[in-house]
């Protein structure tokens, strides 16, 4: 009976300390990635569609480091976004974030990701950036963060931004005409 009680006490102790350990662990990197099946679309058409989005519809500029390779059907670029960040008890101020958008198409679909977020902590030094997860760790270590939760807010806003970028891209890719629609349109135009 004593062993049973000790097991329950030990289990209860583990159950109450695990949330505390989870709060003090390093934050997960902020990233959104997805593998999308697209039967019959073809590697080249998917690549062209994604390239059109990055060249004409990518709303997170200035964009830099653009690398598009038709041979491997891959695209990589760095985008820029703004986000309100609060530090300590100071009011939130707008900071610049940089992130990487990576795309790779295959014969049966594509893979893309929005990640590698970096923040420019000092607006006067735009060439200096640091990984966002390190910045969030610094926010978590600040005095009074248990009251302000600046680290959680910053993480939530960055996750929301990653989702917004991914949603815009995925919506654009989903509006691609299917191969059957393109053939019907060409036949109809040829018959008139």
C-alpha atoms as a PDB file:
ATOM      1  CA  UNK A   1       0.000   0.000   0.000  1.00  0.00           C
ATOM      2  CA  UNK A   2       2.882   2.364   0.803  1.00  0.00           C
ATOM      3  CA  UNK A   3       4.394   1.735  -2.610  1.00  0.00           C
ATOM      4  CA  UNK A   4       1.102   2.535  -4.307  1.00  0.00           C
ATOM      5  CA  UNK A   5       0.805   5.824  -2.436  1.00  0.00           C
ATOM      6  CA  UNK A   6       4.419   6.704  -3.229  1.00  0.00           C
ATOM      7  CA  UNK A   7       3.801   5.982  -6.922  1.00  0.00           C
ATOM      8  CA  UNK A   8       0.784   8.302  -6.939  1.00  0.00           C
ATOM      9  CA  UNK A   9       2.731  11.036  -5.141  1.00  0.00           C
ATOM     10  CA  UNK A  10       5.673  10.699  -7.509  1.00  0.00           C
ATOM     11  CA  UNK A  11       3.336  10.746 -10.524  1.00  0.00           C
ATOM     12  CA  UNK A  12       1.602  13.844  -9.163  1.00  0.00           C
ATOM     13  CA  UNK A  13       4.949  15.553  -8.676  1.00  0.00           C
ATOM     14  CA  UNK A  14       5.950  14.794 -12.272  1.00  0.00           C
ATOM     15  CA  UNK A  15       2.598  16.015 -13.559  1.00  0.00           C
ATOM     16  CA  UNK A  16       2.926  19.364 -11.799  1.00  0.00           C
ATOM     17  CA  UNK A  17       6.562  19.992 -12.744  1.00  0.00           C
ATOM     18  CA  UNK A  18       6.306  19.182 -16.463  1.00  0.00           C
ATOM     19  CA  UNK A  19       4.362  22.376 -17.328  1.00  0.00           C
ATOM     20  CA  UNK A  20       7.003  24.387 -15.480  1.00  0.00           C
ATOM     21  CA  UNK A  21       9.780  22.697 -17.416  1.00  0.00           C
ATOM     22  CA  UNK A  22       7.951  23.308 -20.678  1.00  0.00           C
ATOM     23  CA  UNK A  23       7.776  27.048 -19.987  1.00  0.00           C
ATOM     24  CA  UNK A  24      11.503  27.343 -19.336  1.00  0.00           C
ATOM     25  CA  UNK A  25      12.627  25.333 -22.370  1.00  0.00           C
ATOM     26  CA  UNK A  26      13.867  27.025 -25.530  1.00  0.00           C
ATOM     27  CA  UNK A  27      11.117  28.133 -27.917  1.00  0.00           C
ATOM     28  CA  UNK A  28      10.395  26.124 -31.033  1.00  0.00           C
ATOM     29  CA  UNK A  29      11.544  27.775 -34.264  1.00  0.00           C
ATOM     30  CA  UNK A  30       8.732  29.646 -35.965  1.00  0.00           C
ATOM     31  CA  UNK A  31       8.039  28.016 -39.303  1.00  0.00           C
ATOM     32  CA  UNK A  32       5.215  26.944 -41.546  1.00  0.00           C
ATOM     33  CA  UNK A  33       5.884  24.153 -44.021  1.00  0.00           C
ATOM     34  CA  UNK A  34       3.626  21.956 -46.068  1.00  0.00           C
ATOM     35  CA  UNK A  35       3.807  19.156 -48.637  1.00  0.00           C
ATOM     36  CA  UNK A  36       0.957  19.522 -51.144  1.00  0.00           C
ATOM     37  CA  UNK A  37      -0.011  16.706 -53.517  1.00  0.00           C
ATOM     38  CA  UNK A  38      -1.067  17.885 -56.959  1.00  0.00           C
ATOM     39  CA  UNK A  39      -1.617  14.961 -59.310  1.00  0.00           C
ATOM     40  CA  UNK A  40      -1.276  15.760 -62.977  1.00  0.00           C
ATOM     41  CA  UNK A  41      -0.173  19.380 -62.593  1.00  0.00           C
ATOM     42  CA  UNK A  42       3.436  18.666 -63.513  1.00  0.00           C
ATOM     43  CA  UNK A  43       6.703  19.921 -62.107  1.00  0.00           C
ATOM     44  CA  UNK A  44       7.162  22.697 -64.677  1.00  0.00           C
ATOM     45  CA  UNK A  45       3.665  24.152 -64.352  1.00  0.00           C
ATOM     46  CA  UNK A  46       3.861  24.184 -60.560  1.00  0.00           C
ATOM     47  CA  UNK A  47       7.263  25.868 -60.720  1.00  0.00           C
ATOM     48  CA  UNK A  48       5.980  28.514 -63.187  1.00  0.00           C
ATOM     49  CA  UNK A  49       2.979  29.234 -60.999  1.00  0.00           C
ATOM     50  CA  UNK A  50       5.112  29.631 -57.875  1.00  0.00           C
ATOM     51  CA  UNK A  51       7.598  31.802 -59.768  1.00  0.00           C
ATOM     52  CA  UNK A  52       4.742  34.046 -60.936  1.00  0.00           C
ATOM     53  CA  UNK A  53       3.598  34.419 -57.312  1.00  0.00           C
ATOM     54  CA  UNK A  54       7.089  35.348 -56.100  1.00  0.00           C
ATOM     55  CA  UNK A  55       7.647  37.814 -58.954  1.00  0.00           C
ATOM     56  CA  UNK A  56       4.207  39.450 -59.199  1.00  0.00           C
ATOM     57  CA  UNK A  57       2.139  38.705 -56.093  1.00  0.00           C
ATOM     58  CA  UNK A  58       4.637  38.438 -53.213  1.00  0.00           C
ATOM     59  CA  UNK A  59       3.515  41.221 -50.865  1.00  0.00           C
ATOM     60  CA  UNK A  60       6.381  41.069 -48.367  1.00  0.00           C
ATOM     61  CA  UNK A  61       9.061  43.320 -49.743  1.00  0.00           C
ATOM     62  CA  UNK A  62      11.626  44.335 -50.229  1.00  0.00           C
ATOM     63  CA  UNK A  63      12.554  40.836 -51.288  1.00  0.00           C
ATOM     64  CA  UNK A  64      16.189  39.836 -51.591  1.00  0.00           C
ATOM     65  CA  UNK A  65      18.319  36.803 -52.334  1.00  0.00           C
ATOM     66  CA  UNK A  66      16.003  35.544 -55.075  1.00  0.00           C
ATOM     67  CA  UNK A  67      17.218  32.210 -56.434  1.00  0.00           C
ATOM     68  CA  UNK A  68      14.986  30.545 -59.012  1.00  0.00           C
ATOM     69  CA  UNK A  69      16.280  27.407 -60.695  1.00  0.00           C
ATOM     70  CA  UNK A  70      14.106  25.923 -63.433  1.00  0.00           C
ATOM     71  CA  UNK A  71      16.360  22.855 -63.653  1.00  0.00           C
ATOM     72  CA  UNK A  72      15.601  21.800 -60.079  1.00  0.00           C
ATOM     73  CA  UNK A  73      12.164  23.493 -60.015  1.00  0.00           C
ATOM     74  CA  UNK A  74      13.108  25.352 -56.841  1.00  0.00           C
ATOM     75  CA  UNK A  75      12.721  28.903 -55.607  1.00  0.00           C
ATOM     76  CA  UNK A  76      14.224  30.623 -52.585  1.00  0.00           C
ATOM     77  CA  UNK A  77      13.917  34.235 -51.520  1.00  0.00           C
ATOM     78  CA  UNK A  78      14.041  36.413 -48.435  1.00  0.00           C
ATOM     79  CA  UNK A  79      11.023  38.556 -47.652  1.00  0.00           C
ATOM     80  CA  UNK A  80      10.498  41.453 -45.263  1.00  0.00           C
ATOM     81  CA  UNK A  81       7.616  42.208 -42.916  1.00  0.00           C
ATOM     82  CA  UNK A  82       6.854  44.559 -40.031  1.00  0.00           C
ATOM     83  CA  UNK A  83       5.653  43.518 -36.582  1.00  0.00           C
ATOM     84  CA  UNK A  84       4.857  45.396 -33.367  1.00  0.00           C
ATOM     85  CA  UNK A  85       7.090  44.174 -30.538  1.00  0.00           C
ATOM     86  CA  UNK A  86       7.037  45.240 -26.885  1.00  0.00           C
ATOM     87  CA  UNK A  87      10.092  44.940 -24.668  1.00  0.00           C
ATOM     88  CA  UNK A  88       9.848  45.304 -20.913  1.00  0.00           C
ATOM     89  CA  UNK A  89       7.295  47.924 -19.932  1.00  0.00           C
ATOM     90  CA  UNK A  90       7.950  50.074 -23.008  1.00  0.00           C
ATOM     91  CA  UNK A  91       5.144  50.472 -25.535  1.00  0.00           C
ATOM     92  CA  UNK A  92       5.231  48.261 -28.605  1.00  0.00           C
ATOM     93  CA  UNK A  93       7.320  49.518 -31.486  1.00  0.00           C
ATOM     94  CA  UNK A  94       7.463  48.370 -35.072  1.00  0.00           C
ATOM     95  CA  UNK A  95      10.348  46.045 -35.926  1.00  0.00           C
ATOM     96  CA  UNK A  96      11.474  44.588 -39.209  1.00  0.00           C
ATOM     97  CA  UNK A  97      11.436  40.831 -39.705  1.00  0.00           C
ATOM     98  CA  UNK A  98      13.149  38.912 -42.457  1.00  0.00           C
ATOM     99  CA  UNK A  99      12.148  35.394 -43.406  1.00  0.00           C
ATOM    100  CA  UNK A 100      12.911  32.809 -46.059  1.00  0.00           C
ATOM    101  CA  UNK A 101      10.369  31.414 -48.492  1.00  0.00           C
ATOM    102  CA  UNK A 102      11.464  28.104 -50.037  1.00  0.00           C
ATOM    103  CA  UNK A 103       9.620  26.183 -52.774  1.00  0.00           C
ATOM    104  CA  UNK A 104      10.353  22.889 -54.534  1.00  0.00           C
ATOM    105  CA  UNK A 105       8.053  21.211 -57.060  1.00  0.00           C
ATOM    106  CA  UNK A 106       7.937  17.574 -58.076  1.00  0.00           C
ATOM    107  CA  UNK A 107       5.938  15.667 -60.677  1.00  0.00           C
ATOM    108  CA  UNK A 108       3.217  14.949 -58.102  1.00  0.00           C
ATOM    109  CA  UNK A 109       3.085  18.135 -56.033  1.00  0.00           C
ATOM    110  CA  UNK A 110       5.212  20.634 -54.205  1.00  0.00           C
ATOM    111  CA  UNK A 111       6.766  21.466 -50.868  1.00  0.00           C
ATOM    112  CA  UNK A 112       7.094  24.968 -49.478  1.00  0.00           C
ATOM    113  CA  UNK A 113       8.090  26.598 -46.231  1.00  0.00           C
ATOM    114  CA  UNK A 114       8.082  29.991 -44.581  1.00  0.00           C
ATOM    115  CA  UNK A 115      10.723  30.156 -41.870  1.00  0.00           C
ATOM    116  CA  UNK A 116      14.179  31.252 -40.720  1.00  0.00           C
ATOM    117  CA  UNK A 117      12.701  34.373 -39.140  1.00  0.00           C
ATOM    118  CA  UNK A 118      15.232  37.013 -38.161  1.00  0.00           C
ATOM    119  CA  UNK A 119      14.468  40.296 -36.404  1.00  0.00           C
ATOM    120  CA  UNK A 120      16.289  43.586 -36.592  1.00  0.00           C
ATOM    121  CA  UNK A 121      16.404  44.547 -32.898  1.00  0.00           C
ATOM    122  CA  UNK A 122      17.735  48.076 -33.468  1.00  0.00           C
ATOM    123  CA  UNK A 123      15.946  50.053 -36.210  1.00  0.00           C
ATOM    124  CA  UNK A 124      19.052  52.257 -36.562  1.00  0.00           C
ATOM    125  CA  UNK A 125      21.207  49.238 -37.497  1.00  0.00           C
ATOM    126  CA  UNK A 126      19.228  47.575 -40.283  1.00  0.00           C
ATOM    127  CA  UNK A 127      22.167  45.416 -41.377  1.00  0.00           C
ATOM    128  CA  UNK A 128      22.262  43.643 -37.986  1.00  0.00           C
ATOM    129  CA  UNK A 129      19.718  40.919 -37.364  1.00  0.00           C
ATOM    130  CA  UNK A 130      19.313  38.001 -34.985  1.00  0.00           C
ATOM    131  CA  UNK A 131      17.242  34.803 -35.103  1.00  0.00           C
ATOM    132  CA  UNK A 132      13.743  35.464 -33.823  1.00  0.00           C
ATOM    133  CA  UNK A 133      13.842  32.484 -31.447  1.00  0.00           C
ATOM    134  CA  UNK A 134      16.912  34.023 -29.715  1.00  0.00           C
ATOM    135  CA  UNK A 135      15.078  37.346 -29.453  1.00  0.00           C
ATOM    136  CA  UNK A 136      12.061  35.589 -27.918  1.00  0.00           C
ATOM    137  CA  UNK A 137      14.371  33.871 -25.406  1.00  0.00           C
ATOM    138  CA  UNK A 138      15.697  37.306 -24.424  1.00  0.00           C
ATOM    139  CA  UNK A 139      12.148  38.592 -24.000  1.00  0.00           C
ATOM    140  CA  UNK A 140      11.314  35.610 -21.775  1.00  0.00           C
ATOM    141  CA  UNK A 141      14.304  36.378 -19.551  1.00  0.00           C
ATOM    142  CA  UNK A 142      13.308  40.034 -19.019  1.00  0.00           C
ATOM    143  CA  UNK A 143      12.132  41.163 -15.623  1.00  0.00           C
ATOM    144  CA  UNK A 144       8.350  41.378 -15.526  1.00  0.00           C
ATOM    145  CA  UNK A 145       7.783  39.041 -18.477  1.00  0.00           C
ATOM    146  CA  UNK A 146       5.571  36.841 -16.303  1.00  0.00           C
ATOM    147  CA  UNK A 147       3.179  39.807 -16.248  1.00  0.00           C
ATOM    148  CA  UNK A 148       3.626  41.219 -19.771  1.00  0.00           C
ATOM    149  CA  UNK A 149       4.105  37.927 -21.696  1.00  0.00           C
ATOM    150  CA  UNK A 150       5.960  39.794 -24.450  1.00  0.00           C
ATOM    151  CA  UNK A 151       7.666  36.580 -25.521  1.00  0.00           C
ATOM    152  CA  UNK A 152       4.356  34.806 -26.074  1.00  0.00           C
ATOM    153  CA  UNK A 153       2.839  37.742 -27.927  1.00  0.00           C
ATOM    154  CA  UNK A 154       5.832  38.040 -30.208  1.00  0.00           C
ATOM    155  CA  UNK A 155       5.782  34.311 -30.932  1.00  0.00           C
ATOM    156  CA  UNK A 156       2.027  34.388 -31.636  1.00  0.00           C
ATOM    157  CA  UNK A 157       2.362  37.349 -34.007  1.00  0.00           C
ATOM    158  CA  UNK A 158       5.240  35.688 -35.890  1.00  0.00           C
ATOM    159  CA  UNK A 159       3.289  32.421 -36.181  1.00  0.00           C
ATOM    160  CA  UNK A 160       0.316  34.387 -37.468  1.00  0.00           C
ATOM    161  CA  UNK A 161       2.528  36.093 -40.037  1.00  0.00           C
ATOM    162  CA  UNK A 162       3.955  32.745 -41.204  1.00  0.00           C
ATOM    163  CA  UNK A 163       0.413  31.378 -41.568  1.00  0.00           C
ATOM    164  CA  UNK A 164      -0.726  34.485 -43.458  1.00  0.00           C
ATOM    165  CA  UNK A 165       2.133  34.203 -45.951  1.00  0.00           C
ATOM    166  CA  UNK A 166       1.492  30.476 -46.424  1.00  0.00           C
ATOM    167  CA  UNK A 167      -2.247  31.065 -46.849  1.00  0.00           C
ATOM    168  CA  UNK A 168      -1.647  33.672 -49.547  1.00  0.00           C
ATOM    169  CA  UNK A 169       0.702  31.367 -51.424  1.00  0.00           C
ATOM    170  CA  UNK A 170      -1.512  28.312 -51.099  1.00  0.00           C
ATOM    171  CA  UNK A 171      -4.576  30.264 -52.215  1.00  0.00           C
ATOM    172  CA  UNK A 172      -2.725  31.430 -55.306  1.00  0.00           C
ATOM    173  CA  UNK A 173      -1.505  27.923 -56.102  1.00  0.00           C
ATOM    174  CA  UNK A 174      -5.024  26.506 -55.614  1.00  0.00           C
ATOM    175  CA  UNK A 175      -6.436  28.966 -58.164  1.00  0.00           C
ATOM    176  CA  UNK A 176      -4.263  27.437 -60.898  1.00  0.00           C
ATOM    177  CA  UNK A 177      -6.438  26.140 -63.735  1.00  0.00           C
ATOM    178  CA  UNK A 178      -6.426  22.370 -64.023  1.00  0.00           C
ATOM    179  CA  UNK A 179      -4.924  20.831 -67.176  1.00  0.00           C
ATOM    180  CA  UNK A 180      -8.426  19.814 -68.343  1.00  0.00           C
ATOM    181  CA  UNK A 181      -9.703  23.411 -68.081  1.00  0.00           C
ATOM    182  CA  UNK A 182      -6.772  24.667 -70.156  1.00  0.00           C
ATOM    183  CA  UNK A 183      -7.448  22.084 -72.901  1.00  0.00           C
ATOM    184  CA  UNK A 184     -11.174  22.885 -72.993  1.00  0.00           C
ATOM    185  CA  UNK A 185     -10.409  26.611 -73.253  1.00  0.00           C
ATOM    186  CA  UNK A 186      -8.017  26.056 -76.148  1.00  0.00           C
ATOM    187  CA  UNK A 187     -10.443  23.800 -78.040  1.00  0.00           C
ATOM    188  CA  UNK A 188     -13.288  26.212 -77.539  1.00  0.00           C
ATOM    189  CA  UNK A 189     -11.180  29.132 -78.767  1.00  0.00           C
ATOM    190  CA  UNK A 190     -10.000  27.152 -81.804  1.00  0.00           C
ATOM    191  CA  UNK A 191     -13.535  26.216 -82.848  1.00  0.00           C
ATOM    192  CA  UNK A 192     -14.852  29.805 -82.849  1.00  0.00           C
END
